Amino acid sequence: MDKSNLKVLMCEVPQFDKLDSDEIEIMADHVVYRKLPAGATLLEEGGSGDALYYVVEGLIEIKKEAMDGTQTILSHFTKGAAIGEMALIEENSKRSATAKALKDSELLVLSRKNFNDIKENNPKLAIKILQNIASSIATRLRHTSGRFADVFK
């Protein structure tokens, strides 16, 4: 996919809302477009974490294996969601869950290597990316806390 089409896709993803045109330009040099067909696995629990994925289109299911071996659905992510954020924060991180496409999906991929390049050359942009990651994680923690409160009434 060419850079101009990447920039158009990025403008449709809420994670990039607060980026100015120069920052979108930089991000377009650092993300890769990827199609994922329905049924394909994006991330495998326990696998190596080396990239963050932004959902442009589609439906991704997140499952976690319980101690008894059963699979529990944790969430479903659609357009605008970020998946695998910890891979950019934690060196040598392992995937904490499995992510699988339930529908044909389109993703933008930011590798740890490319994120490190952004950190080094564009620290203000890196801070914005990290703020978006923190916001995503905070939202998920609030949701999870609510689910725990319901379970342990």
Protein backbone atom coordinates (compact mmCIF):
# COMPACT_ATOMS: atom_id res chain seq x y z
CA MET A 1 0.00 0.00 0.00
CA ASP A 2 1.37 3.42 -0.87
CA LYS A 3 2.03 6.14 1.67
CA SER A 4 -0.91 8.37 0.68
CA ASN A 5 -3.36 5.49 1.17
CA LEU A 6 -1.74 4.67 4.52
CA LYS A 7 -2.27 8.27 5.66
CA VAL A 8 -5.95 8.11 4.64
CA LEU A 9 -6.39 4.90 6.65
CA MET A 10 -4.61 6.39 9.64
CA CYS A 11 -6.99 9.35 9.68
CA GLU A 12 -9.86 6.88 10.16
CA VAL A 13 -8.29 5.35 13.30
CA PRO A 14 -9.12 7.17 16.58
CA GLN A 15 -5.66 6.33 17.98
CA PHE A 16 -4.25 8.88 15.51
CA ASP A 17 -6.81 11.66 16.19
CA LYS A 18 -4.43 13.91 18.08
CA LEU A 19 -1.59 13.69 15.59
CA ASP A 20 -0.90 16.66 13.34
CA SER A 21 -0.19 16.27 9.62
CA ASP A 22 3.60 16.11 10.13
CA GLU A 23 3.18 13.35 12.73
CA ILE A 24 0.82 11.42 10.43
CA GLU A 25 3.52 11.70 7.77
CA ILE A 26 6.13 10.27 10.13
CA MET A 27 3.81 7.47 11.28
CA ALA A 28 3.07 6.56 7.65
CA ASP A 29 6.80 5.91 7.25
CA HIS A 30 6.78 3.59 10.27
CA VAL A 31 3.60 1.52 10.01
CA VAL A 32 2.87 -1.38 7.70
CA TYR A 33 -0.55 -2.30 6.31
CA ARG A 34 -1.62 -5.91 6.83
CA LYS A 35 -4.70 -7.90 5.82
CA LEU A 36 -5.80 -10.74 8.07
CA PRO A 37 -8.41 -13.18 6.71
CA ALA A 38 -11.25 -14.43 8.90
CA GLY A 39 -10.08 -17.36 11.02
CA ALA A 40 -6.41 -16.35 10.96
CA THR A 41 -4.47 -15.95 14.21
CA LEU A 42 -2.84 -12.57 14.73
CA LEU A 43 -1.16 -13.25 18.09
CA GLU A 44 -0.55 -16.47 19.99
CA GLU A 45 -0.59 -16.49 23.80
CA GLY A 46 2.98 -16.99 25.03
CA GLY A 47 4.45 -15.91 21.70
CA SER A 48 7.00 -13.17 21.32
CA GLY A 49 5.64 -9.64 21.38
CA ASP A 50 7.30 -7.35 18.88
CA ALA A 51 4.56 -5.12 17.46
CA LEU A 52 1.43 -3.11 18.16
CA TYR A 53 -1.57 -3.56 15.86
CA TYR A 54 -4.21 -0.93 15.10
CA VAL A 55 -7.51 -2.30 13.77
CA VAL A 56 -8.57 -0.35 10.68
CA GLU A 57 -11.42 -2.67 9.77
CA GLY A 58 -12.71 -6.05 10.93
CA LEU A 59 -13.29 -7.94 14.15
CA ILE A 60 -10.59 -9.45 16.36
CA GLU A 61 -11.39 -11.79 19.26
CA ILE A 62 -9.08 -11.98 22.27
CA LYS A 63 -8.94 -15.27 24.22
CA LYS A 64 -6.95 -16.32 27.27
CA GLU A 65 -6.21 -19.84 28.41
CA ALA A 66 -7.32 -20.54 31.98
CA MET A 67 -5.29 -22.72 34.34
CA ASP A 68 -7.59 -25.67 33.57
CA GLY A 69 -6.87 -25.31 29.85
CA THR A 70 -10.22 -23.81 28.85
CA GLN A 71 -10.32 -20.75 26.65
CA THR A 72 -12.09 -17.62 27.90
CA ILE A 73 -13.10 -14.82 25.57
CA LEU A 74 -11.80 -11.58 27.05
CA SER A 75 -12.86 -9.09 24.43
CA HIS A 76 -13.68 -8.25 20.85
CA PHE A 77 -11.90 -5.40 19.09
CA THR A 78 -13.15 -3.47 16.10
CA LYS A 79 -12.12 -0.40 14.14
CA GLY A 80 -9.92 1.94 16.13
CA ALA A 81 -8.69 -0.54 18.72
CA ALA A 82 -5.03 -1.08 19.53
CA ILE A 83 -3.86 -4.64 20.23
CA GLY A 84 -0.54 -5.76 21.68
CA GLU A 85 0.52 -2.48 23.24
CA MET A 86 2.72 -4.10 25.86
CA ALA A 87 5.09 -5.23 23.11
CA LEU A 88 6.20 -1.62 22.66
CA ILE A 89 6.59 -0.99 26.37
CA GLU A 90 8.20 -4.22 27.61
CA GLU A 91 11.34 -5.61 26.00
CA ASN A 92 11.17 -9.38 25.42
CA SER A 93 7.48 -9.43 26.30
CA LYS A 94 5.36 -12.51 25.75
CA ARG A 95 1.82 -12.27 24.40
CA SER A 96 -0.68 -12.53 27.25
CA ALA A 97 -3.56 -13.76 25.08
CA THR A 98 -4.43 -15.09 21.64
CA ALA A 99 -5.94 -12.76 19.05
CA LYS A 100 -7.85 -14.19 16.10
CA ALA A 101 -9.74 -12.52 13.25
CA LEU A 102 -13.45 -13.34 13.29
CA LYS A 103 -13.97 -11.32 10.09
CA ASP A 104 -11.61 -10.31 7.33
CA SER A 105 -9.59 -7.56 8.96
CA GLU A 106 -7.22 -4.75 8.05
CA LEU A 107 -4.50 -3.63 10.42
CA LEU A 108 -1.73 -1.11 10.71
CA VAL A 109 1.37 -2.59 12.35
CA LEU A 110 3.92 -0.60 14.36
CA SER A 111 6.94 -2.77 15.16
CA ARG A 112 9.02 -2.23 18.28
CA LYS A 113 12.00 -1.45 16.02
CA ASN A 114 10.06 1.30 14.23
CA PHE A 115 8.68 2.64 17.50
CA ASN A 116 12.23 2.82 18.88
CA ASP A 117 13.20 4.80 15.79
CA ILE A 118 10.34 7.23 16.47
CA LYS A 119 11.43 7.54 20.13
CA GLU A 120 14.93 8.43 19.08
CA ASN A 121 14.11 10.84 16.26
CA ASN A 122 10.69 12.22 17.24
CA PRO A 123 10.29 12.06 21.02
CA LYS A 124 7.15 14.25 21.07
CA LEU A 125 5.42 11.82 18.71
CA ALA A 126 6.59 8.88 20.83
CA ILE A 127 5.05 10.53 23.89
CA LYS A 128 1.72 10.88 22.06
CA ILE A 129 1.83 7.20 21.09
CA LEU A 130 2.60 6.23 24.68
CA GLN A 131 -0.23 8.46 25.94
CA ASN A 132 -2.62 6.65 23.59
CA ILE A 133 -1.33 3.30 24.84
CA ALA A 134 -1.75 4.39 28.48
CA SER A 135 -5.28 5.57 27.76
CA SER A 136 -6.14 2.24 26.10
CA ILE A 137 -4.74 0.26 29.00
CA ALA A 138 -6.57 2.46 31.54
CA THR A 139 -9.88 1.92 29.74
CA ARG A 140 -9.33 -1.85 29.71
CA LEU A 141 -8.41 -1.86 33.41
CA ARG A 142 -11.59 0.03 34.28
CA HIS A 143 -13.60 -2.47 32.25
CA THR A 144 -11.83 -5.43 33.86
CA SER A 145 -12.31 -3.97 37.35
CA GLY A 146 -16.02 -3.67 36.66
CA ARG A 147 -16.17 -7.29 35.51
CA PHE A 148 -14.34 -8.46 38.65
CA ALA A 149 -16.69 -6.45 40.84
CA ASP A 150 -19.65 -8.16 39.16
CA VAL A 151 -18.12 -11.63 39.60
CA PHE A 152 -17.14 -11.16 43.25
CA LYS A 153 -20.38 -9.59 44.56
